[in-house]
Amino acid sequence: MRKLVALALAALLAACGQKAKLEPLAGQPLPAVPYGAAVRPDAEKLLELDTIAAPERSVELRKKSEERADDPFDLPPE
């Protein structure tokens, strides 16, 4: 039983992640300056997602159940 408790405690401690700012390793520079850019982006700028990677929703979610409008192309199979 003690082994099980110790194993569970070790698993809980292992699940804790570091929540500090990301920085390059000592002696390792950031990636090269992108082509056409005037300055090298910092780590925070490199971690931002592009609009294509995380697009915003363009449709409004339905709040309640509604009857569908008649669809003239929704035909039964022949």
C-alpha atoms as a PDB file:
ATOM      1  CA  MET A   1       0.000   0.000   0.000  1.00  0.00           C
ATOM      2  CA  ARG A   2       2.853   2.358   0.816  1.00  0.00           C
ATOM      3  CA  LYS A   3       4.403   1.691  -2.580  1.00  0.00           C
ATOM      4  CA  LEU A   4       1.123   2.579  -4.269  1.00  0.00           C
ATOM      5  CA  VAL A   5       0.854   5.847  -2.326  1.00  0.00           C
ATOM      6  CA  ALA A   6       4.484   6.702  -3.087  1.00  0.00           C
ATOM      7  CA  LEU A   7       3.946   5.911  -6.761  1.00  0.00           C
ATOM      8  CA  ALA A   8       0.802   8.070  -6.893  1.00  0.00           C
ATOM      9  CA  LEU A   9       2.626  10.942  -5.166  1.00  0.00           C
ATOM     10  CA  ALA A  10       5.534  10.656  -7.610  1.00  0.00           C
ATOM     11  CA  ALA A  11       3.096  10.686 -10.545  1.00  0.00           C
ATOM     12  CA  LEU A  12       1.395  13.820  -9.211  1.00  0.00           C
ATOM     13  CA  LEU A  13       4.732  15.588  -8.795  1.00  0.00           C
ATOM     14  CA  ALA A  14       5.835  14.546 -12.260  1.00  0.00           C
ATOM     15  CA  ALA A  15       2.647  15.998 -13.738  1.00  0.00           C
ATOM     16  CA  CYS A  16       3.492  19.491 -12.483  1.00  0.00           C
ATOM     17  CA  GLY A  17       4.916  21.570 -15.300  1.00  0.00           C
ATOM     18  CA  GLN A  18       7.116  24.623 -15.162  1.00  0.00           C
ATOM     19  CA  LYS A  19       5.148  27.772 -15.931  1.00  0.00           C
ATOM     20  CA  ALA A  20       8.026  30.202 -16.445  1.00  0.00           C
ATOM     21  CA  LYS A  21       8.795  32.382 -19.450  1.00  0.00           C
ATOM     22  CA  LEU A  22      10.423  30.541 -22.323  1.00  0.00           C
ATOM     23  CA  GLU A  23      13.960  31.593 -23.095  1.00  0.00           C
ATOM     24  CA  PRO A  24      16.552  30.157 -25.456  1.00  0.00           C
ATOM     25  CA  LEU A  25      19.109  27.796 -23.951  1.00  0.00           C
ATOM     26  CA  ALA A  26      22.358  29.327 -22.765  1.00  0.00           C
ATOM     27  CA  GLY A  27      24.623  29.868 -25.743  1.00  0.00           C
ATOM     28  CA  GLN A  28      21.824  29.198 -28.246  1.00  0.00           C
ATOM     29  CA  PRO A  29      20.631  32.216 -30.292  1.00  0.00           C
ATOM     30  CA  LEU A  30      17.091  32.773 -31.471  1.00  0.00           C
ATOM     31  CA  PRO A  31      16.333  31.763 -35.080  1.00  0.00           C
ATOM     32  CA  ALA A  32      17.728  33.926 -37.879  1.00  0.00           C
ATOM     33  CA  VAL A  33      16.002  37.105 -38.972  1.00  0.00           C
ATOM     34  CA  PRO A  34      13.182  36.231 -41.417  1.00  0.00           C
ATOM     35  CA  TYR A  35      13.643  37.356 -45.011  1.00  0.00           C
ATOM     36  CA  GLY A  36      12.315  40.880 -45.436  1.00  0.00           C
ATOM     37  CA  ALA A  37      12.109  41.630 -41.695  1.00  0.00           C
ATOM     38  CA  ALA A  38      14.042  44.550 -40.256  1.00  0.00           C
ATOM     39  CA  VAL A  39      14.527  43.094 -36.769  1.00  0.00           C
ATOM     40  CA  ARG A  40      14.772  39.629 -35.216  1.00  0.00           C
ATOM     41  CA  PRO A  41      11.503  38.701 -33.447  1.00  0.00           C
ATOM     42  CA  ASP A  42      11.758  37.880 -29.741  1.00  0.00           C
ATOM     43  CA  ALA A  43      10.577  34.615 -28.164  1.00  0.00           C
ATOM     44  CA  GLU A  44       7.083  35.969 -27.370  1.00  0.00           C
ATOM     45  CA  LYS A  45       6.552  37.084 -30.969  1.00  0.00           C
ATOM     46  CA  LEU A  46       7.685  33.683 -32.276  1.00  0.00           C
ATOM     47  CA  LEU A  47       5.123  31.933 -30.054  1.00  0.00           C
ATOM     48  CA  GLU A  48       2.140  33.951 -31.348  1.00  0.00           C
ATOM     49  CA  LEU A  49      -0.163  31.992 -33.666  1.00  0.00           C
ATOM     50  CA  ASP A  50      -0.868  33.204 -37.170  1.00  0.00           C
ATOM     51  CA  THR A  51      -4.447  33.977 -38.128  1.00  0.00           C
ATOM     52  CA  ILE A  52      -4.444  30.932 -40.388  1.00  0.00           C
ATOM     53  CA  ALA A  53      -3.294  28.686 -37.521  1.00  0.00           C
ATOM     54  CA  ALA A  54      -6.080  29.815 -35.176  1.00  0.00           C
ATOM     55  CA  PRO A  55      -8.902  31.434 -37.168  1.00  0.00           C
ATOM     56  CA  GLU A  56     -11.821  33.075 -35.429  1.00  0.00           C
ATOM     57  CA  ARG A  57     -15.298  31.632 -35.829  1.00  0.00           C
ATOM     58  CA  SER A  58     -17.209  33.204 -38.664  1.00  0.00           C
ATOM     59  CA  VAL A  59     -20.578  31.661 -37.848  1.00  0.00           C
ATOM     60  CA  GLU A  60     -22.894  32.400 -34.973  1.00  0.00           C
ATOM     61  CA  LEU A  61     -23.746  29.394 -32.873  1.00  0.00           C
ATOM     62  CA  ARG A  62     -27.392  28.570 -32.447  1.00  0.00           C
ATOM     63  CA  LYS A  63     -28.700  29.360 -28.994  1.00  0.00           C
ATOM     64  CA  LYS A  64     -31.812  27.193 -29.238  1.00  0.00           C
ATOM     65  CA  SER A  65     -33.347  24.589 -31.470  1.00  0.00           C
ATOM     66  CA  GLU A  66     -34.903  26.023 -34.627  1.00  0.00           C
ATOM     67  CA  GLU A  67     -36.744  24.557 -37.600  1.00  0.00           C
ATOM     68  CA  ARG A  68     -34.599  24.289 -40.702  1.00  0.00           C
ATOM     69  CA  ALA A  69     -35.556  26.238 -43.773  1.00  0.00           C
ATOM     70  CA  ASP A  70     -36.676  24.187 -46.767  1.00  0.00           C
ATOM     71  CA  ASP A  71     -33.695  23.112 -48.898  1.00  0.00           C
ATOM     72  CA  PRO A  72     -34.655  22.652 -52.581  1.00  0.00           C
ATOM     73  CA  PHE A  73     -31.495  20.585 -53.199  1.00  0.00           C
ATOM     74  CA  ASP A  74     -32.228  18.079 -50.408  1.00  0.00           C
ATOM     75  CA  LEU A  75     -33.794  15.471 -52.722  1.00  0.00           C
ATOM     76  CA  PRO A  76     -34.422  11.802 -51.943  1.00  0.00           C
ATOM     77  CA  PRO A  77     -32.229   9.261 -53.744  1.00  0.00           C
ATOM     78  CA  GLU A  78     -33.554   7.948 -57.049  1.00  0.00           C
END
